[in-house]
Amino acid sequence: MREVPCNGCVRCCIGDAVRLLEGDDAAKYQTVPHDRIPSARMLDHKPDGSCVYLGSSGCTIHSDKPQMCREFDCRDLNRKLSFTGARKMRIIPIWLKGKELNEYPT
């Protein structure tokens, strides 16, 4: 797995639906029913829309985060999804960060 140059960016931790996958132990996380996939669970959110595990210094479960968090790369999202698709999914800030990293690699 390649390293994602987040450099403190937490855009994917705000307002996104982090779905638990088959290999994730749901009992380890605070979850709610997924808002678009009826049979799935996702990480819960604070009232402001941020992940319940997002703290003032970043992810509080970084060493034990779910598979989606470990594998996510906003650069791939930007390459695979159009701006219109990102708008429909309500993930424009994440898409824009991927675009920035694709255009100006670190």
N, C-alpha and C. Protein backbone atom coordinates (compact mmCIF):
# COMPACT_ATOMS: atom_id res chain seq x y z
N MET A 1 0.85 -1.18 0.00
CA MET A 1 0.00 0.00 0.00
C MET A 1 0.90 1.24 0.00
N ARG A 2 0.58 2.19 -0.88
CA ARG A 2 1.39 3.40 -0.97
C ARG A 2 0.97 4.41 0.09
N GLU A 3 1.90 5.25 0.43
CA GLU A 3 1.66 6.28 1.46
C GLU A 3 0.88 7.44 0.86
N VAL A 4 -0.14 7.90 1.57
CA VAL A 4 -0.93 9.05 1.14
C VAL A 4 -0.37 10.28 1.87
N PRO A 5 -0.01 11.33 1.13
CA PRO A 5 0.58 12.52 1.76
C PRO A 5 -0.48 13.43 2.40
N CYS A 6 -1.11 12.95 3.44
CA CYS A 6 -2.17 13.72 4.10
C CYS A 6 -1.63 15.00 4.75
N ASN A 7 -0.48 14.90 5.36
CA ASN A 7 0.15 16.06 6.01
C ASN A 7 -0.82 16.84 6.90
N GLY A 8 -1.59 16.13 7.69
CA GLY A 8 -2.52 16.77 8.61
C GLY A 8 -3.91 17.01 8.06
N CYS A 9 -4.12 16.74 6.78
CA CYS A 9 -5.46 16.92 6.19
C CYS A 9 -6.41 15.88 6.79
N VAL A 10 -7.61 16.32 7.14
CA VAL A 10 -8.62 15.41 7.71
C VAL A 10 -9.95 15.55 6.98
N ARG A 11 -9.91 16.04 5.72
CA ARG A 11 -11.15 16.25 4.97
C ARG A 11 -11.98 14.99 4.87
N CYS A 12 -11.34 13.83 4.71
CA CYS A 12 -12.11 12.59 4.57
C CYS A 12 -12.72 12.15 5.91
N CYS A 13 -12.38 12.82 6.99
CA CYS A 13 -12.92 12.49 8.31
C CYS A 13 -14.15 13.34 8.65
N ILE A 14 -14.56 14.20 7.73
CA ILE A 14 -15.67 15.12 7.99
C ILE A 14 -16.77 14.90 6.97
N GLY A 15 -17.92 14.47 7.43
CA GLY A 15 -19.09 14.31 6.58
C GLY A 15 -19.07 13.11 5.66
N ASP A 16 -18.06 12.26 5.76
CA ASP A 16 -17.98 11.09 4.88
C ASP A 16 -18.58 9.88 5.59
N ALA A 17 -19.01 8.92 4.80
CA ALA A 17 -19.60 7.69 5.35
C ALA A 17 -18.56 6.58 5.28
N VAL A 18 -17.87 6.32 6.38
CA VAL A 18 -16.86 5.26 6.43
C VAL A 18 -17.56 3.95 6.77
N ARG A 19 -17.76 3.16 5.71
CA ARG A 19 -18.47 1.88 5.85
C ARG A 19 -17.51 0.83 6.39
N LEU A 20 -18.00 0.04 7.34
CA LEU A 20 -17.21 -1.08 7.83
C LEU A 20 -17.30 -2.21 6.82
N LEU A 21 -16.17 -2.81 6.51
CA LEU A 21 -16.10 -3.89 5.54
C LEU A 21 -16.04 -5.23 6.24
N GLU A 22 -16.10 -6.29 5.48
CA GLU A 22 -16.19 -7.64 6.03
C GLU A 22 -15.09 -7.97 7.03
N GLY A 23 -13.88 -7.50 6.80
CA GLY A 23 -12.77 -7.80 7.69
C GLY A 23 -12.71 -6.95 8.94
N ASP A 24 -13.55 -5.93 9.05
CA ASP A 24 -13.56 -5.06 10.23
C ASP A 24 -14.41 -5.67 11.34
N ASP A 25 -13.94 -5.52 12.56
CA ASP A 25 -14.68 -6.00 13.73
C ASP A 25 -15.58 -4.85 14.22
N ALA A 26 -16.84 -4.88 13.85
CA ALA A 26 -17.77 -3.79 14.17
C ALA A 26 -17.87 -3.53 15.67
N ALA A 27 -17.63 -4.54 16.48
CA ALA A 27 -17.72 -4.38 17.93
C ALA A 27 -16.65 -3.43 18.48
N LYS A 28 -15.60 -3.18 17.71
CA LYS A 28 -14.52 -2.30 18.15
C LYS A 28 -14.82 -0.83 17.93
N TYR A 29 -15.86 -0.54 17.18
CA TYR A 29 -16.13 0.84 16.78
C TYR A 29 -17.53 1.30 17.18
N GLN A 30 -17.69 2.60 17.32
CA GLN A 30 -18.99 3.20 17.54
C GLN A 30 -19.60 3.42 16.16
N THR A 31 -20.66 2.69 15.85
CA THR A 31 -21.23 2.72 14.51
C THR A 31 -22.71 3.08 14.53
N VAL A 32 -23.20 3.36 13.34
CA VAL A 32 -24.63 3.62 13.09
C VAL A 32 -24.97 2.94 11.77
N PRO A 33 -26.25 2.75 11.47
CA PRO A 33 -26.60 2.21 10.15
C PRO A 33 -26.09 3.15 9.06
N HIS A 34 -25.60 2.58 7.97
CA HIS A 34 -25.10 3.37 6.85
C HIS A 34 -26.27 4.17 6.26
N ASP A 35 -26.01 5.41 5.87
CA ASP A 35 -27.10 6.27 5.39
C ASP A 35 -27.54 5.97 3.96
N ARG A 36 -26.77 5.16 3.21
CA ARG A 36 -27.16 4.84 1.84
C ARG A 36 -27.18 3.34 1.53
N ILE A 37 -26.61 2.53 2.43
CA ILE A 37 -26.57 1.08 2.22
C ILE A 37 -27.27 0.43 3.42
N PRO A 38 -28.53 0.04 3.27
CA PRO A 38 -29.33 -0.43 4.41
C PRO A 38 -28.71 -1.56 5.24
N SER A 39 -27.99 -2.46 4.64
CA SER A 39 -27.45 -3.61 5.39
C SER A 39 -26.08 -3.32 6.01
N ALA A 40 -25.52 -2.14 5.79
CA ALA A 40 -24.16 -1.84 6.24
C ALA A 40 -24.15 -0.94 7.48
N ARG A 41 -23.00 -0.95 8.16
CA ARG A 41 -22.74 -0.07 9.30
C ARG A 41 -21.63 0.89 8.89
N MET A 42 -21.65 2.07 9.49
CA MET A 42 -20.58 3.04 9.24
C MET A 42 -20.17 3.67 10.56
N LEU A 43 -19.00 4.28 10.58
CA LEU A 43 -18.55 4.97 11.79
C LEU A 43 -19.52 6.10 12.10
N ASP A 44 -19.78 6.29 13.36
CA ASP A 44 -20.69 7.34 13.81
C ASP A 44 -20.04 8.71 13.61
N HIS A 45 -20.85 9.76 13.68
CA HIS A 45 -20.38 11.13 13.51
C HIS A 45 -20.78 11.98 14.72
N LYS A 46 -20.01 13.01 14.96
CA LYS A 46 -20.35 14.01 15.97
C LYS A 46 -21.42 14.92 15.37
N PRO A 47 -22.06 15.74 16.18
CA PRO A 47 -23.09 16.66 15.65
C PRO A 47 -22.60 17.57 14.53
N ASP A 48 -21.31 17.90 14.51
CA ASP A 48 -20.78 18.77 13.45
C ASP A 48 -20.48 18.02 12.15
N GLY A 49 -20.72 16.71 12.12
CA GLY A 49 -20.51 15.92 10.91
C GLY A 49 -19.16 15.24 10.84
N SER A 50 -18.28 15.52 11.78
CA SER A 50 -16.96 14.87 11.76
C SER A 50 -17.05 13.48 12.39
N CYS A 51 -16.10 12.64 12.00
CA CYS A 51 -16.04 11.28 12.54
C CYS A 51 -15.93 11.34 14.06
N VAL A 52 -16.59 10.44 14.71
CA VAL A 52 -16.57 10.40 16.17
C VAL A 52 -15.15 10.15 16.69
N TYR A 53 -14.27 9.63 15.85
CA TYR A 53 -12.89 9.36 16.26
C TYR A 53 -11.90 10.45 15.84
N LEU A 54 -12.40 11.56 15.31
CA LEU A 54 -11.52 12.66 14.95
C LEU A 54 -11.31 13.55 16.16
N GLY A 55 -10.08 13.63 16.61
CA GLY A 55 -9.74 14.46 17.76
C GLY A 55 -9.02 15.72 17.32
N SER A 56 -8.60 16.53 18.26
CA SER A 56 -7.94 17.80 17.93
C SER A 56 -6.59 17.60 17.24
N SER A 57 -5.99 16.43 17.41
CA SER A 57 -4.70 16.14 16.77
C SER A 57 -4.83 15.12 15.64
N GLY A 58 -6.03 14.88 15.18
CA GLY A 58 -6.24 13.90 14.10
C GLY A 58 -6.99 12.69 14.59
N CYS A 59 -6.81 11.58 13.90
CA CYS A 59 -7.53 10.35 14.20
C CYS A 59 -7.09 9.75 15.53
N THR A 60 -8.04 9.49 16.40
CA THR A 60 -7.71 8.93 17.72
C THR A 60 -7.58 7.41 17.68
N ILE A 61 -7.95 6.78 16.56
CA ILE A 61 -7.80 5.32 16.43
C ILE A 61 -6.92 4.98 15.22
N HIS A 62 -6.01 5.88 14.89
CA HIS A 62 -5.18 5.75 13.69
C HIS A 62 -4.53 4.37 13.56
N SER A 63 -4.01 3.84 14.64
CA SER A 63 -3.31 2.55 14.57
C SER A 63 -4.27 1.37 14.44
N ASP A 64 -5.57 1.60 14.64
CA ASP A 64 -6.55 0.51 14.58
C ASP A 64 -7.78 0.93 13.79
N LYS A 65 -7.57 1.74 12.75
CA LYS A 65 -8.70 2.26 11.99
C LYS A 65 -9.27 1.20 11.04
N PRO A 66 -10.53 1.38 10.62
CA PRO A 66 -11.17 0.42 9.71
C PRO A 66 -10.46 0.35 8.35
N GLN A 67 -10.72 -0.71 7.63
CA GLN A 67 -10.10 -0.97 6.34
C GLN A 67 -10.28 0.19 5.36
N MET A 68 -11.49 0.74 5.28
CA MET A 68 -11.73 1.86 4.35
C MET A 68 -10.79 3.02 4.64
N CYS A 69 -10.56 3.31 5.89
CA CYS A 69 -9.66 4.41 6.26
C CYS A 69 -8.21 4.07 5.90
N ARG A 70 -7.83 2.83 6.11
CA ARG A 70 -6.45 2.42 5.80
C ARG A 70 -6.17 2.48 4.30
N GLU A 71 -7.16 2.17 3.47
CA GLU A 71 -6.95 2.05 2.03
C GLU A 71 -7.33 3.30 1.24
N PHE A 72 -8.00 4.24 1.85
CA PHE A 72 -8.51 5.40 1.12
C PHE A 72 -7.38 6.32 0.66
N ASP A 73 -7.48 6.78 -0.59
CA ASP A 73 -6.54 7.73 -1.15
C ASP A 73 -7.34 8.72 -2.00
N CYS A 74 -7.41 9.96 -1.57
CA CYS A 74 -8.22 10.95 -2.27
C CYS A 74 -7.74 11.19 -3.70
N ARG A 75 -6.48 10.89 -3.99
CA ARG A 75 -5.97 11.03 -5.36
C ARG A 75 -6.69 10.05 -6.29
N ASP A 76 -6.93 8.83 -5.80
CA ASP A 76 -7.66 7.84 -6.60
C ASP A 76 -9.10 8.29 -6.81
N LEU A 77 -9.71 8.82 -5.77
CA LEU A 77 -11.08 9.32 -5.86
C LEU A 77 -11.19 10.39 -6.94
N ASN A 78 -10.23 11.30 -6.95
CA ASN A 78 -10.23 12.36 -7.95
C ASN A 78 -10.08 11.82 -9.37
N ARG A 79 -9.26 10.79 -9.53
CA ARG A 79 -9.06 10.22 -10.87
C ARG A 79 -10.28 9.43 -11.35
N LYS A 80 -11.01 8.82 -10.44
CA LYS A 80 -12.12 7.93 -10.80
C LYS A 80 -13.47 8.64 -10.88
N LEU A 81 -13.61 9.77 -10.25
CA LEU A 81 -14.90 10.42 -10.12
C LEU A 81 -14.85 11.82 -10.72
N SER A 82 -15.88 12.17 -11.46
CA SER A 82 -15.96 13.53 -12.01
C SER A 82 -16.37 14.51 -10.91
N PHE A 83 -16.21 15.80 -11.18
CA PHE A 83 -16.65 16.81 -10.23
C PHE A 83 -18.15 16.66 -9.97
N THR A 84 -18.91 16.40 -11.02
CA THR A 84 -20.36 16.22 -10.88
C THR A 84 -20.67 15.04 -9.97
N GLY A 85 -19.93 13.95 -10.14
CA GLY A 85 -20.11 12.78 -9.27
C GLY A 85 -19.79 13.11 -7.82
N ALA A 86 -18.71 13.86 -7.61
CA ALA A 86 -18.33 14.27 -6.25
C ALA A 86 -19.40 15.17 -5.64
N ARG A 87 -19.97 16.04 -6.46
CA ARG A 87 -21.03 16.93 -5.96
C ARG A 87 -22.25 16.12 -5.55
N LYS A 88 -22.63 15.16 -6.37
CA LYS A 88 -23.80 14.33 -6.06
C LYS A 88 -23.58 13.52 -4.78
N MET A 89 -22.34 13.10 -4.55
CA MET A 89 -22.03 12.33 -3.34
C MET A 89 -21.73 13.22 -2.13
N ARG A 90 -21.72 14.53 -2.35
CA ARG A 90 -21.44 15.51 -1.29
C ARG A 90 -20.03 15.33 -0.71
N ILE A 91 -19.04 15.11 -1.59
CA ILE A 91 -17.66 14.93 -1.14
C ILE A 91 -16.70 15.84 -1.91
N ILE A 92 -17.17 17.01 -2.28
CA ILE A 92 -16.34 17.93 -3.07
C ILE A 92 -15.02 18.28 -2.35
N PRO A 93 -15.00 18.59 -1.04
CA PRO A 93 -13.72 18.93 -0.41
C PRO A 93 -12.68 17.81 -0.52
N ILE A 94 -13.10 16.58 -0.41
CA ILE A 94 -12.17 15.45 -0.52
C ILE A 94 -11.69 15.32 -1.96
N TRP A 95 -12.60 15.45 -2.92
CA TRP A 95 -12.26 15.37 -4.34
C TRP A 95 -11.26 16.47 -4.71
N LEU A 96 -11.49 17.68 -4.19
CA LEU A 96 -10.60 18.80 -4.48
C LEU A 96 -9.20 18.57 -3.91
N LYS A 97 -9.11 17.98 -2.72
CA LYS A 97 -7.79 17.67 -2.14
C LYS A 97 -7.07 16.66 -3.02
N GLY A 98 -7.78 15.64 -3.51
CA GLY A 98 -7.18 14.67 -4.41
C GLY A 98 -6.70 15.33 -5.69
N LYS A 99 -7.48 16.26 -6.21
CA LYS A 99 -7.11 17.00 -7.42
C LYS A 99 -5.82 17.78 -7.17
N GLU A 100 -5.76 18.46 -6.05
CA GLU A 100 -4.57 19.25 -5.69
C GLU A 100 -3.33 18.35 -5.62
N LEU A 101 -3.47 17.20 -4.97
CA LEU A 101 -2.32 16.29 -4.83
C LEU A 101 -1.93 15.67 -6.17
N ASN A 102 -2.91 15.44 -7.03
CA ASN A 102 -2.60 14.91 -8.37
C ASN A 102 -1.88 15.94 -9.23
N GLU A 103 -2.27 17.21 -9.10
CA GLU A 103 -1.68 18.26 -9.91
C GLU A 103 -0.31 18.70 -9.39
N TYR A 104 -0.15 18.67 -8.08
CA TYR A 104 1.10 19.12 -7.46
C TYR A 104 1.60 18.04 -6.50
N PRO A 105 2.11 16.93 -7.02
CA PRO A 105 2.56 15.84 -6.14
C PRO A 105 3.66 16.29 -5.19
N THR A 106 3.61 15.73 -4.01
CA THR A 106 4.63 16.09 -3.00
C THR A 106 5.84 15.22 -3.12
